[in-house]
C-alpha atoms as a PDB file:
ATOM      1  CA  MET A   1      83.612   7.771 -15.236  1.00  0.00           C
ATOM      2  CA  LYS A   2      83.945  11.552 -15.298  1.00  0.00           C
ATOM      3  CA  THR A   3      87.256  12.888 -16.639  1.00  0.00           C
ATOM      4  CA  GLU A   4      88.775  15.727 -14.631  1.00  0.00           C
ATOM      5  CA  PRO A   5      89.834  18.905 -16.489  1.00  0.00           C
ATOM      6  CA  ALA A   6      93.438  19.007 -17.661  1.00  0.00           C
ATOM      7  CA  ILE A   7      96.405  20.409 -15.798  1.00  0.00           C
ATOM      8  CA  LEU A   8      99.712  21.422 -17.353  1.00  0.00           C
ATOM      9  CA  ARG A   9     102.939  20.326 -15.688  1.00  0.00           C
ATOM     10  CA  LEU A  10     105.637  22.868 -16.527  1.00  0.00           C
ATOM     11  CA  ARG A  11     109.329  23.238 -15.807  1.00  0.00           C
ATOM     12  CA  VAL A  12     110.495  26.840 -15.416  1.00  0.00           C
ATOM     13  CA  GLN A  13     114.260  27.371 -15.407  1.00  0.00           C
ATOM     14  CA  LEU A  14     116.337  30.535 -15.316  1.00  0.00           C
ATOM     15  CA  ARG A  15     118.826  30.843 -18.157  1.00  0.00           C
ATOM     16  CA  TYR A  16     122.542  31.567 -17.672  1.00  0.00           C
ATOM     17  CA  ILE A  17     122.679  30.429 -14.029  1.00  0.00           C
ATOM     18  CA  GLU A  18     124.676  27.406 -12.844  1.00  0.00           C
ATOM     19  CA  PRO A  19     123.804  25.363 -10.878  1.00  0.00           C
ATOM     20  CA  ALA A  20     120.294  25.686 -12.242  1.00  0.00           C
ATOM     21  CA  ILE A  21     117.487  27.578 -10.519  1.00  0.00           C
ATOM     22  CA  TRP A  22     114.251  25.868 -11.521  1.00  0.00           C
ATOM     23  CA  ARG A  23     110.677  25.132 -10.510  1.00  0.00           C
ATOM     24  CA  GLU A  24     108.200  22.483 -11.571  1.00  0.00           C
ATOM     25  CA  ILE A  25     104.611  23.646 -11.333  1.00  0.00           C
ATOM     26  CA  GLU A  26     101.187  22.336 -12.243  1.00  0.00           C
ATOM     27  CA  VAL A  27      98.619  24.852 -13.443  1.00  0.00           C
ATOM     28  CA  PRO A  28      95.019  24.533 -14.655  1.00  0.00           C
ATOM     29  CA  GLY A  29      94.743  23.751 -18.357  1.00  0.00           C
ATOM     30  CA  GLU A  30      92.401  26.699 -18.863  1.00  0.00           C
ATOM     31  CA  TYR A  31      95.032  29.226 -17.739  1.00  0.00           C
ATOM     32  CA  ASN A  32      95.842  32.219 -19.918  1.00  0.00           C
ATOM     33  CA  PHE A  33      99.309  33.792 -20.091  1.00  0.00           C
ATOM     34  CA  TRP A  34      98.546  36.389 -17.397  1.00  0.00           C
ATOM     35  CA  ASP A  35      97.575  33.557 -15.046  1.00  0.00           C
ATOM     36  CA  LEU A  36     100.803  31.726 -15.935  1.00  0.00           C
ATOM     37  CA  HIS A  37     102.843  34.899 -15.356  1.00  0.00           C
ATOM     38  CA  VAL A  38     101.445  35.161 -11.814  1.00  0.00           C
ATOM     39  CA  ALA A  39     102.134  31.458 -11.138  1.00  0.00           C
ATOM     40  CA  ILE A  40     105.742  31.771 -12.366  1.00  0.00           C
ATOM     41  CA  GLN A  41     106.304  34.901 -10.262  1.00  0.00           C
ATOM     42  CA  ASP A  42     105.005  33.165  -7.144  1.00  0.00           C
ATOM     43  CA  ALA A  43     106.808  29.863  -7.719  1.00  0.00           C
ATOM     44  CA  MET A  44     110.142  31.495  -8.511  1.00  0.00           C
ATOM     45  CA  GLY A  45     109.903  34.027  -5.691  1.00  0.00           C
ATOM     46  CA  TRP A  46     109.961  37.199  -7.793  1.00  0.00           C
ATOM     47  CA  GLN A  47     108.112  40.286  -6.511  1.00  0.00           C
ATOM     48  CA  ASP A  48     106.275  41.161  -9.753  1.00  0.00           C
ATOM     49  CA  SER A  49     107.618  44.713  -9.699  1.00  0.00           C
ATOM     50  CA  HIS A  50     108.900  44.822 -13.304  1.00  0.00           C
ATOM     51  CA  LEU A  51     107.597  44.271 -16.825  1.00  0.00           C
ATOM     52  CA  HIS A  52     107.337  40.785 -18.292  1.00  0.00           C
ATOM     53  CA  ALA A  53     106.724  39.091 -21.654  1.00  0.00           C
ATOM     54  CA  PHE A  54     106.392  35.625 -23.081  1.00  0.00           C
ATOM     55  CA  ARG A  55     108.144  34.993 -26.374  1.00  0.00           C
ATOM     56  CA  VAL A  56     107.084  32.202 -28.700  1.00  0.00           C
ATOM     57  CA  GLY A  57     108.907  31.184 -31.878  1.00  0.00           C
ATOM     58  CA  GLU A  58     111.632  33.016 -33.756  1.00  0.00           C
ATOM     59  CA  GLY A  59     112.084  35.284 -36.747  1.00  0.00           C
ATOM     60  CA  ARG A  60     108.975  36.294 -38.685  1.00  0.00           C
ATOM     61  CA  ASN A  61     106.867  33.763 -36.781  1.00  0.00           C
ATOM     62  CA  ALA A  62     107.815  35.198 -33.369  1.00  0.00           C
ATOM     63  CA  VAL A  63     104.972  36.200 -31.071  1.00  0.00           C
ATOM     64  CA  THR A  64     105.206  38.362 -27.942  1.00  0.00           C
ATOM     65  CA  ILE A  65     102.559  37.958 -25.240  1.00  0.00           C
ATOM     66  CA  GLY A  66     102.246  40.236 -22.223  1.00  0.00           C
ATOM     67  CA  VAL A  67     100.622  43.495 -21.218  1.00  0.00           C
ATOM     68  CA  PRO A  68     100.434  45.810 -24.253  1.00  0.00           C
ATOM     69  CA  ASP A  69     101.438  49.422 -23.663  1.00  0.00           C
ATOM     70  CA  PRO A  70      98.156  51.388 -23.586  1.00  0.00           C
ATOM     71  CA  ASP A  71      99.917  54.288 -25.320  1.00  0.00           C
ATOM     72  CA  GLY A  72     101.088  52.066 -28.175  1.00  0.00           C
ATOM     73  CA  PHE A  73     104.828  52.464 -27.563  1.00  0.00           C
ATOM     74  CA  ASP A  74     105.625  48.746 -27.967  1.00  0.00           C
ATOM     75  CA  ASP A  75     108.328  48.090 -30.587  1.00  0.00           C
ATOM     76  CA  ALA A  76     106.311  45.195 -31.994  1.00  0.00           C
ATOM     77  CA  PRO A  77     102.738  43.986 -31.471  1.00  0.00           C
ATOM     78  CA  VAL A  78     102.139  42.459 -28.022  1.00  0.00           C
ATOM     79  CA  LEU A  79      99.225  40.069 -27.610  1.00  0.00           C
ATOM     80  CA  PRO A  80      97.328  40.631 -24.343  1.00  0.00           C
ATOM     81  CA  GLY A  81      98.209  37.742 -22.027  1.00  0.00           C
ATOM     82  CA  ARG A  82      94.780  37.835 -20.379  1.00  0.00           C
ATOM     83  CA  LYS A  83      93.209  36.846 -23.709  1.00  0.00           C
ATOM     84  CA  VAL A  84      95.676  34.198 -24.927  1.00  0.00           C
ATOM     85  CA  PRO A  85      95.210  30.643 -23.605  1.00  0.00           C
ATOM     86  CA  VAL A  86      98.445  28.921 -22.595  1.00  0.00           C
ATOM     87  CA  ARG A  87      97.343  25.806 -24.498  1.00  0.00           C
ATOM     88  CA  GLN A  88      97.356  27.792 -27.727  1.00  0.00           C
ATOM     89  CA  TYR A  89     101.180  27.545 -27.619  1.00  0.00           C
ATOM     90  CA  LEU A  90     101.858  24.812 -25.049  1.00  0.00           C
ATOM     91  CA  GLU A  91      99.816  21.858 -26.149  1.00  0.00           C
ATOM     92  CA  LYS A  92     102.231  18.927 -26.491  1.00  0.00           C
ATOM     93  CA  PRO A  93     105.002  17.818 -24.121  1.00  0.00           C
ATOM     94  CA  GLY A  94     108.341  19.289 -25.141  1.00  0.00           C
ATOM     95  CA  GLN A  95     106.911  22.563 -26.444  1.00  0.00           C
ATOM     96  CA  ARG A  96     108.471  25.654 -24.888  1.00  0.00           C
ATOM     97  CA  VAL A  97     108.141  29.390 -24.546  1.00  0.00           C
ATOM     98  CA  GLN A  98     110.514  31.992 -23.169  1.00  0.00           C
ATOM     99  CA  TYR A  99     109.458  34.083 -20.186  1.00  0.00           C
ATOM    100  CA  ASP A 100     111.314  37.374 -19.697  1.00  0.00           C
ATOM    101  CA  TYR A 101     111.111  39.347 -16.473  1.00  0.00           C
ATOM    102  CA  ASP A 102     112.655  42.720 -15.628  1.00  0.00           C
ATOM    103  CA  PHE A 103     113.888  43.867 -19.019  1.00  0.00           C
ATOM    104  CA  GLY A 104     116.640  45.952 -17.380  1.00  0.00           C
ATOM    105  CA  ASP A 105     118.178  43.028 -15.471  1.00  0.00           C
ATOM    106  CA  GLY A 106     117.258  40.596 -18.242  1.00  0.00           C
ATOM    107  CA  TRP A 107     115.986  37.517 -16.409  1.00  0.00           C
ATOM    108  CA  GLU A 108     115.133  34.930 -19.079  1.00  0.00           C
ATOM    109  CA  HIS A 109     113.344  31.693 -18.227  1.00  0.00           C
ATOM    110  CA  ASP A 110     112.699  28.583 -20.301  1.00  0.00           C
ATOM    111  CA  VAL A 111     109.159  27.291 -19.761  1.00  0.00           C
ATOM    112  CA  VAL A 112     108.749  23.720 -21.011  1.00  0.00           C
ATOM    113  CA  LEU A 113     105.547  21.694 -21.047  1.00  0.00           C
ATOM    114  CA  LEU A 114     106.361  18.354 -19.433  1.00  0.00           C
ATOM    115  CA  GLU A 115     102.919  16.781 -19.401  1.00  0.00           C
ATOM    116  CA  VAL A 116      99.201  17.332 -19.876  1.00  0.00           C
ATOM    117  CA  ALA A 117      97.453  15.293 -17.200  1.00  0.00           C
ATOM    118  CA  GLU A 118      94.117  14.967 -15.437  1.00  0.00           C
ATOM    119  CA  ARG A 119      93.477  17.216 -12.460  1.00  0.00           C
ATOM    120  CA  GLN A 120      93.531  15.384  -9.127  1.00  0.00           C
ATOM    121  CA  PRO A 121      90.164  15.993  -7.405  1.00  0.00           C
ATOM    122  CA  ARG A 122      91.500  16.943  -3.953  1.00  0.00           C
ATOM    123  CA  LEU A 123      94.437  19.064  -5.081  1.00  0.00           C
ATOM    124  CA  LYS A 124      94.342  22.876  -5.277  1.00  0.00           C
ATOM    125  CA  TYR A 125      95.962  24.316  -8.398  1.00  0.00           C
ATOM    126  CA  PRO A 126      98.360  25.818  -9.176  1.00  0.00           C
ATOM    127  CA  TRP A 127     100.870  24.073  -6.987  1.00  0.00           C
ATOM    128  CA  CYS A 128     104.634  23.733  -6.899  1.00  0.00           C
ATOM    129  CA  VAL A 129     105.787  20.159  -7.386  1.00  0.00           C
ATOM    130  CA  GLY A 130     109.502  20.828  -6.875  1.00  0.00           C
ATOM    131  CA  GLY A 131     112.447  23.029  -7.598  1.00  0.00           C
ATOM    132  CA  ALA A 132     115.974  23.954  -6.665  1.00  0.00           C
ATOM    133  CA  ARG A 133     117.798  26.978  -5.289  1.00  0.00           C
ATOM    134  CA  ALA A 134     116.601  30.362  -4.152  1.00  0.00           C
ATOM    135  CA  CYS A 135     115.338  33.029  -6.502  1.00  0.00           C
ATOM    136  CA  PRO A 136     117.938  35.764  -7.058  1.00  0.00           C
ATOM    137  CA  PRO A 137     117.176  39.042  -5.264  1.00  0.00           C
ATOM    138  CA  GLU A 138     115.316  41.641  -7.310  1.00  0.00           C
ATOM    139  CA  ASP A 139     117.421  44.382  -8.907  1.00  0.00           C
ATOM    140  CA  CYS A 140     120.756  42.610  -8.413  1.00  0.00           C
ATOM    141  CA  GLY A 141     121.831  43.120 -12.043  1.00  0.00           C
ATOM    142  CA  GLY A 142     120.705  39.981 -13.858  1.00  0.00           C
ATOM    143  CA  PRO A 143     122.851  36.830 -14.146  1.00  0.00           C
ATOM    144  CA  PRO A 144     126.216  38.673 -14.110  1.00  0.00           C
ATOM    145  CA  GLY A 145     125.186  40.821 -11.132  1.00  0.00           C
ATOM    146  CA  TYR A 146     123.888  37.760  -9.297  1.00  0.00           C
ATOM    147  CA  GLU A 147     127.185  35.940  -9.834  1.00  0.00           C
ATOM    148  CA  GLU A 148     129.049  38.966  -8.466  1.00  0.00           C
ATOM    149  CA  LEU A 149     126.654  39.134  -5.502  1.00  0.00           C
ATOM    150  CA  LEU A 150     127.319  35.478  -4.624  1.00  0.00           C
ATOM    151  CA  GLU A 151     131.087  36.021  -4.849  1.00  0.00           C
ATOM    152  CA  THR A 152     130.829  39.037  -2.535  1.00  0.00           C
ATOM    153  CA  LEU A 153     128.671  37.163  -0.016  1.00  0.00           C
ATOM    154  CA  SER A 154     131.001  34.147   0.027  1.00  0.00           C
ATOM    155  CA  ASP A 155     134.001  36.322   1.014  1.00  0.00           C
ATOM    156  CA  PRO A 156     133.581  37.856   4.507  1.00  0.00           C
ATOM    157  CA  VAL A 157     136.621  40.125   3.958  1.00  0.00           C
ATOM    158  CA  HIS A 158     135.337  41.474   0.630  1.00  0.00           C
ATOM    159  CA  PRO A 159     135.100  45.289   0.943  1.00  0.00           C
ATOM    160  CA  GLU A 160     131.413  45.219  -0.067  1.00  0.00           C
ATOM    161  CA  HIS A 161     130.409  42.161   1.990  1.00  0.00           C
ATOM    162  CA  GLU A 162     128.719  44.086   4.825  1.00  0.00           C
ATOM    163  CA  SER A 163     127.004  46.630   2.564  1.00  0.00           C
ATOM    164  CA  MET A 164     125.652  43.795   0.408  1.00  0.00           C
ATOM    165  CA  LEU A 165     124.243  42.016   3.485  1.00  0.00           C
ATOM    166  CA  GLU A 166     122.652  45.284   4.545  1.00  0.00           C
ATOM    167  CA  TRP A 167     121.166  45.801   1.063  1.00  0.00           C
ATOM    168  CA  LEU A 168     119.723  42.259   1.205  1.00  0.00           C
ATOM    169  CA  GLY A 169     118.333  42.836   4.693  1.00  0.00           C
ATOM    170  CA  GLY A 170     120.329  39.966   6.176  1.00  0.00           C
ATOM    171  CA  PRO A 171     121.854  36.624   5.200  1.00  0.00           C
ATOM    172  CA  PHE A 172     120.966  35.071   1.841  1.00  0.00           C
ATOM    173  CA  ASP A 173     121.157  31.312   1.233  1.00  0.00           C
ATOM    174  CA  PRO A 174     121.329  30.675  -2.537  1.00  0.00           C
ATOM    175  CA  GLU A 175     120.618  26.964  -2.003  1.00  0.00           C
ATOM    176  CA  ALA A 176     117.412  27.430  -0.011  1.00  0.00           C
ATOM    177  CA  PHE A 177     114.119  26.433  -1.602  1.00  0.00           C
ATOM    178  CA  ASP A 178     111.063  24.693  -0.162  1.00  0.00           C
ATOM    179  CA  PRO A 179     108.259  23.883  -2.634  1.00  0.00           C
ATOM    180  CA  ASP A 180     105.807  23.503   0.253  1.00  0.00           C
ATOM    181  CA  ALA A 181     106.384  27.145   1.213  1.00  0.00           C
ATOM    182  CA  VAL A 182     105.229  28.465  -2.191  1.00  0.00           C
ATOM    183  CA  ARG A 183     101.924  30.351  -2.029  1.00  0.00           C
ATOM    184  CA  PHE A 184     100.064  31.292  -5.185  1.00  0.00           C
ATOM    185  CA  ASP A 185      98.168  34.550  -5.556  1.00  0.00           C
ATOM    186  CA  ASP A 186      94.845  34.849  -7.369  1.00  0.00           C
ATOM    187  CA  PRO A 187      95.661  36.183 -10.884  1.00  0.00           C
ATOM    188  CA  LYS A 188      92.429  38.216 -11.029  1.00  0.00           C
ATOM    189  CA  LYS A 189      93.241  39.972  -7.747  1.00  0.00           C
ATOM    190  CA  ARG A 190      96.818  40.577  -8.913  1.00  0.00           C
ATOM    191  CA  TRP A 191      95.482  42.189 -12.100  1.00  0.00           C
ATOM    192  CA  ARG A 192      93.165  44.467 -10.134  1.00  0.00           C
ATOM    193  CA  ARG A 193      96.003  45.521  -7.813  1.00  0.00           C
ATOM    194  CA  ALA A 194      98.361  46.188 -10.741  1.00  0.00           C
ATOM    195  CA  TYR A 195      95.983  47.730 -13.283  1.00  0.00           C
ATOM    196  CA  GLY A 196      92.825  48.696 -11.413  1.00  0.00           C
END
């Protein structure tokens, strides 16, 4: 009997937000970190309009994976995500990496490997297995700004309530999330659009 290639089941959860905003996704086992970045962006609902990095380990053993600055202005060496296989660092259930998005707002995510399993023949990967709560709006100021945004939206007499709704483009439901509505972009096409 032929064994199907592996898939990685991952839980991605935003730090410093309660109740938790999380996604569970399954991605092909041959993914690199650029591919995983695109899958996380799409599953969470981010717009991929800011810098990102994966961080593995701590102290002297720490590794940063992302898109190296072509002009060499990175503070520390950055491994190119397109060349680093995810399974190099996420091989056994329980292993984790940190995914940072939008360094100004400071969105930090825990990415935990839940399982390495066989690919199901009729399923298209990646796919979103589940999750909870809406992704925060881009550029809202990170976890503290998001908390302030939710307080403002929950109080119709707040002096900034109407301007916040206008900034958002209409009502925002922080509890809304439908895993079946998640659509994943092709990482190669995303790279070409972003970097030519």
